[in-house]
Amino acid sequence: MRLALPALPHPLLAPGEWAEPLRADAGVHWAVLDVDNGPGQRPDPDCLLAAGRISNARRRRGPGAALVLGRLDLAHGAANPHLVLAQARAWRDWYRVDGYYVRRCPSDAGWLPAVTSLLARVRALGPAHVVLGHGVHPHPGYADLAAQLVTFAGPWSRYRWSRPPEWTADLPADRFCHLVHSLPATRVDEALRLARWQGAGTVLLTDRRPREPQEEGEMGVFAALPGYWDEIVSRNGRGVSE
C-alpha cells in the first residue's frame, strides 16, 4: 500500500511537506501540485523546483518513486472543457507533470461520455497517469478512463461502515485510492486493515478535521500532513497484520 498527498499547499508555504515525496522510505505514490486552482497564469518558480525535484528522484530511484500530478477540476461536470484542456497543456508544458488529479469528477453514468471525450483530448497531449477524484464509488465505466479512482473521501465515521460494490473486486488494488479524515491515532491500524480489505492500494489517513462550515469537497482537510504521518509511514512500511 502506498500513500497519497492530494492537496498539499504551495511549496513555498510547505517545504517540509513537499520533501516527503522525495523520501525513499515514505512510500508516497503521488503528490498533487496546485499553483492557483490549477497551473496559474505563468510558470511558478517554487512549483517548478518542487516538480523538478520529484522528477529527478524518480529518475534516480526508478518507477517506484513518487509521481507529481497537476490539479484539474471538473466541478461535477460544470467546468468548461476548453479551460480544462488548456490547464492540462500548461501543466505538461511548464511543469512536466506525470499526469493529472481530476478533482470533483462526475460519478454517474450520464456524464461518462463527456468525461471520456475530455480525457481522450487530455491524453492526446501525451502519456499521463490520471487519477479521478470522485470521492465515491462511480459507475464502473469510469474505471476504463483512469489509472486510479478515488472511491472514498470523507470522515472515519463513514469509512468504518463503508462497503465497496462488487465490481471493484475484479480490479487490482492499485486502481483505487481512499482518503480518510477525522481518524483518531488509535484507529490507524484498523483503517489500514479496512483499506486493504476493501482493495485500496493507495490511501491518506489523517487526524485533521474540516473547518466549520465544512470545506467544499472536504479536500482542504488533506492539505496538512497528519499528526501521525511518521507513524503511518512506519506501520505501512512494515505491514499491518490482518
Protein backbone atom coordinates (compact mmCIF):
# COMPACT_ATOMS: atom_id res chain seq x y z
CA MET A 1 0.00 0.00 0.00
CA ARG A 2 1.20 3.48 -0.89
CA LEU A 3 0.36 6.98 0.31
CA ALA A 4 -1.30 9.91 -1.47
CA LEU A 5 -0.79 13.64 -0.99
CA PRO A 6 -3.80 15.12 -2.81
CA ALA A 7 -3.96 18.69 -1.52
CA LEU A 8 -0.57 19.97 -0.36
CA PRO A 9 -0.21 23.75 -0.02
CA HIS A 10 2.03 25.77 -2.30
CA PRO A 11 5.67 24.57 -1.92
CA LEU A 12 6.75 27.99 -0.65
CA LEU A 13 4.33 27.62 2.26
CA ALA A 14 5.01 23.94 2.97
CA PRO A 15 8.60 22.99 2.08
CA GLY A 16 8.63 20.20 4.68
CA GLU A 17 5.53 18.56 3.25
CA TRP A 18 6.98 18.70 -0.26
CA ALA A 19 10.11 16.95 0.98
CA GLU A 20 8.08 13.81 1.82
CA PRO A 21 7.67 12.58 -1.79
CA LEU A 22 11.47 12.66 -2.04
CA ARG A 23 11.92 10.16 0.81
CA ALA A 24 12.57 6.66 -0.44
CA ASP A 25 11.07 5.19 2.74
CA ALA A 26 7.86 7.27 2.77
CA GLY A 27 6.06 5.22 0.14
CA VAL A 28 4.35 8.23 -1.47
CA HIS A 29 2.54 7.18 -4.65
CA TRP A 30 1.69 10.66 -5.90
CA ALA A 31 1.53 14.29 -4.84
CA VAL A 32 -0.76 16.88 -6.41
CA LEU A 33 0.66 20.24 -7.48
CA ASP A 34 -1.68 23.25 -7.37
CA VAL A 35 -0.40 26.74 -8.16
CA ASP A 36 -3.66 28.73 -8.09
CA ASN A 37 -6.64 26.40 -8.53
CA GLY A 38 -4.68 24.98 -11.43
CA PRO A 39 -1.36 25.80 -13.12
CA GLY A 40 -1.73 29.58 -12.79
CA GLN A 41 -1.15 32.19 -15.47
CA ARG A 42 2.60 31.66 -15.79
CA PRO A 43 5.23 29.17 -14.53
CA ASP A 44 5.76 29.44 -10.78
CA PRO A 45 9.46 29.08 -9.81
CA ASP A 46 8.79 27.33 -6.49
CA CYS A 47 6.41 24.85 -8.10
CA LEU A 48 8.87 24.26 -10.93
CA LEU A 49 11.51 23.43 -8.34
CA ALA A 50 9.23 21.08 -6.38
CA ALA A 51 8.12 19.23 -9.50
CA GLY A 52 11.69 19.01 -10.78
CA ARG A 53 12.97 17.52 -7.54
CA ILE A 54 10.33 14.79 -7.60
CA SER A 55 11.06 14.01 -11.26
CA ASN A 56 14.80 13.83 -10.55
CA ALA A 57 14.19 11.48 -7.60
CA ARG A 58 12.16 9.20 -9.81
CA ARG A 59 14.89 9.11 -12.44
CA ARG A 60 17.34 8.05 -9.73
CA ARG A 61 15.13 5.50 -7.99
CA GLY A 62 13.03 4.16 -10.84
CA PRO A 63 9.31 3.63 -11.37
CA GLY A 64 8.53 3.04 -7.70
CA ALA A 65 9.25 6.67 -6.80
CA ALA A 66 6.54 9.30 -6.34
CA LEU A 67 4.67 10.91 -9.22
CA VAL A 68 3.73 14.58 -9.45
CA LEU A 69 0.22 15.28 -10.74
CA GLY A 70 -1.27 18.57 -11.90
CA ARG A 71 -4.63 19.55 -10.45
CA LEU A 72 -7.63 19.74 -12.77
CA ASP A 73 -11.20 20.40 -11.60
CA LEU A 74 -14.30 19.22 -13.44
CA ALA A 75 -16.66 20.88 -10.90
CA HIS A 76 -19.01 17.87 -11.04
CA GLY A 77 -19.38 18.41 -14.80
CA ALA A 78 -19.82 22.19 -14.77
CA ALA A 79 -16.24 23.02 -15.80
CA ASN A 80 -15.50 24.46 -19.24
CA PRO A 81 -13.80 21.61 -21.14
CA HIS A 82 -11.70 24.06 -23.18
CA LEU A 83 -10.33 25.58 -19.96
CA VAL A 84 -9.60 22.13 -18.52
CA LEU A 85 -7.72 21.16 -21.67
CA ALA A 86 -5.74 24.41 -21.62
CA GLN A 87 -4.79 23.80 -17.99
CA ALA A 88 -3.71 20.24 -18.79
CA ARG A 89 -1.49 21.59 -21.57
CA ALA A 90 0.03 24.19 -19.24
CA TRP A 91 0.76 21.55 -16.59
CA ARG A 92 2.57 19.42 -19.15
CA ASP A 93 4.43 22.23 -20.94
CA TRP A 94 5.54 24.15 -17.85
CA TYR A 95 5.90 21.56 -15.09
CA ARG A 96 6.39 18.29 -17.00
CA VAL A 97 3.88 16.57 -14.70
CA ASP A 98 3.43 12.81 -14.79
CA GLY A 99 -0.33 13.11 -15.02
CA TYR A 100 -3.38 14.75 -13.51
CA TYR A 101 -5.53 14.62 -10.40
CA VAL A 102 -9.06 15.31 -11.66
CA ARG A 103 -10.90 16.84 -8.74
CA ARG A 104 -14.71 16.74 -8.43
CA CYS A 105 -15.04 14.27 -11.28
CA PRO A 106 -18.65 13.26 -12.01
CA SER A 107 -19.52 9.73 -10.98
CA ASP A 108 -22.83 8.84 -12.65
CA ALA A 109 -23.34 7.15 -16.00
CA GLY A 110 -24.88 10.24 -17.59
CA TRP A 111 -21.57 12.13 -17.53
CA LEU A 112 -19.48 9.20 -18.75
CA PRO A 113 -19.48 10.15 -22.48
CA ALA A 114 -18.45 13.77 -21.80
CA VAL A 115 -15.67 12.76 -19.39
CA THR A 116 -14.48 10.07 -21.82
CA SER A 117 -14.25 12.64 -24.62
CA LEU A 118 -12.42 15.21 -22.47
CA LEU A 119 -9.87 12.72 -21.13
CA ALA A 120 -9.18 11.46 -24.64
CA ARG A 121 -8.22 15.02 -25.60
CA VAL A 122 -6.10 15.35 -22.47
CA ARG A 123 -4.27 12.10 -23.21
CA ALA A 124 -3.62 13.26 -26.78
CA LEU A 125 -1.20 15.74 -25.19
CA GLY A 126 0.99 12.83 -24.09
CA PRO A 127 1.06 9.83 -21.74
CA ALA A 128 -0.48 10.64 -18.37
CA HIS A 129 -1.19 8.94 -15.05
CA VAL A 130 -4.78 10.07 -14.44
CA VAL A 131 -6.44 9.86 -11.03
CA LEU A 132 -10.18 10.61 -10.98
CA GLY A 133 -11.24 12.24 -7.72
CA HIS A 134 -14.83 11.05 -7.42
CA GLY A 135 -14.80 10.67 -3.66
CA VAL A 136 -17.46 7.95 -4.03
CA HIS A 137 -17.73 4.74 -5.99
CA PRO A 138 -18.62 5.81 -9.54
CA HIS A 139 -20.28 3.97 -12.37
CA PRO A 140 -17.86 1.13 -13.24
CA GLY A 141 -17.32 2.57 -16.71
CA TYR A 142 -15.06 5.23 -15.22
CA ALA A 143 -12.52 2.54 -14.38
CA ASP A 144 -11.68 2.35 -18.09
CA LEU A 145 -10.69 6.03 -18.15
CA ALA A 146 -8.01 6.31 -15.47
CA ALA A 147 -5.07 4.68 -13.78
CA GLN A 148 -6.78 5.12 -10.43
CA LEU A 149 -10.12 6.15 -8.94
CA VAL A 150 -10.58 7.89 -5.59
CA THR A 151 -13.63 5.98 -4.41
CA PHE A 152 -13.78 7.34 -0.87
CA ALA A 153 -13.07 10.81 0.51
CA GLY A 154 -14.62 11.57 3.85
CA PRO A 155 -14.60 11.03 7.61
CA TRP A 156 -13.70 7.92 9.54
CA SER A 157 -17.24 7.82 10.94
CA ARG A 158 -18.47 6.91 7.42
CA TYR A 159 -15.45 4.95 6.28
CA ARG A 160 -15.60 2.42 9.09
CA TRP A 161 -19.05 1.27 7.89
CA SER A 162 -18.42 1.57 4.14
CA ARG A 163 -18.51 -1.36 1.76
CA PRO A 164 -17.23 -1.48 -1.84
CA PRO A 165 -19.52 -2.52 -4.70
CA GLU A 166 -18.93 -5.95 -6.18
CA TRP A 167 -17.41 -4.69 -9.44
CA THR A 168 -14.33 -3.37 -7.62
CA ALA A 169 -13.26 -6.93 -6.76
CA ASP A 170 -12.47 -7.54 -10.44
CA LEU A 171 -9.71 -4.88 -10.43
CA PRO A 172 -6.34 -4.82 -8.66
CA ALA A 173 -5.79 -2.69 -5.57
CA ASP A 174 -3.57 -0.19 -7.35
CA ARG A 175 -6.66 1.05 -9.21
CA PHE A 176 -8.25 2.53 -6.06
CA CYS A 177 -7.43 5.26 -3.55
CA HIS A 178 -9.16 6.14 -0.26
CA LEU A 179 -8.83 9.48 1.59
CA VAL A 180 -9.97 9.38 5.22
CA HIS A 181 -10.03 12.29 7.66
CA SER A 182 -11.01 12.73 11.32
CA LEU A 183 -9.28 9.44 12.14
CA PRO A 184 -8.02 9.06 15.72
CA ALA A 185 -4.48 7.78 16.14
CA THR A 186 -5.83 4.73 17.98
CA ARG A 187 -7.68 3.67 14.79
CA VAL A 188 -4.81 3.83 12.29
CA ASP A 189 -4.18 0.07 12.22
CA GLU A 190 -7.90 -0.61 11.87
CA ALA A 191 -8.18 1.87 9.00
CA LEU A 192 -5.20 0.36 7.17
CA ARG A 193 -6.70 -3.12 7.53
CA LEU A 194 -10.05 -1.87 6.24
CA ALA A 195 -8.40 -0.21 3.23
CA ARG A 196 -6.63 -3.47 2.38
CA TRP A 197 -9.85 -5.45 2.81
CA GLN A 198 -11.69 -3.03 0.52
CA GLY A 199 -8.96 -3.32 -2.10
CA ALA A 200 -7.43 0.16 -1.97
CA GLY A 201 -3.78 0.30 -2.98
CA THR A 202 -3.27 3.98 -2.12
CA VAL A 203 -4.51 5.86 0.96
CA LEU A 204 -4.20 9.00 3.00
CA LEU A 205 -5.31 8.84 6.62
CA THR A 206 -5.37 11.96 8.75
CA ASP A 207 -6.46 13.13 12.18
CA ARG A 208 -7.25 16.56 10.74
CA ARG A 209 -10.87 17.69 10.82
CA PRO A 210 -12.66 20.04 8.40
CA ARG A 211 -13.19 23.61 9.46
CA GLU A 212 -16.75 24.71 10.09
CA PRO A 213 -18.59 25.20 7.86
CA GLN A 214 -17.31 22.13 6.11
CA GLU A 215 -14.95 22.86 3.24
CA GLU A 216 -16.23 22.12 -0.25
CA GLY A 217 -15.41 18.58 -1.19
CA GLU A 218 -13.59 18.13 2.13
CA MET A 219 -10.20 18.39 0.35
CA GLY A 220 -8.85 21.23 2.49
CA VAL A 221 -8.64 18.84 5.40
CA PHE A 222 -5.94 16.92 3.49
CA ALA A 223 -3.73 19.98 2.95
CA ALA A 224 -1.55 19.35 6.01
CA LEU A 225 0.22 16.13 6.84
CA PRO A 226 -1.50 14.14 9.60
CA GLY A 227 -0.12 14.49 13.09
CA TYR A 228 0.87 10.81 12.96
CA TRP A 229 2.42 10.88 9.47
CA ASP A 230 5.67 9.22 10.53
CA GLU A 231 3.70 6.51 12.32
CA ILE A 232 1.65 5.79 9.18
CA VAL A 233 4.82 5.60 7.10
CA SER A 234 6.35 3.18 9.61
CA ARG A 235 3.27 0.96 10.01
CA ASN A 236 2.53 0.91 6.32
CA GLY A 237 6.13 0.03 5.52
CA ARG A 238 6.26 -2.97 7.82
CA GLY A 239 2.70 -4.09 7.08
CA VAL A 240 -0.33 -4.44 9.33
CA SER A 241 -1.48 -7.92 10.27
CA GLU A 242 -4.94 -8.92 9.15
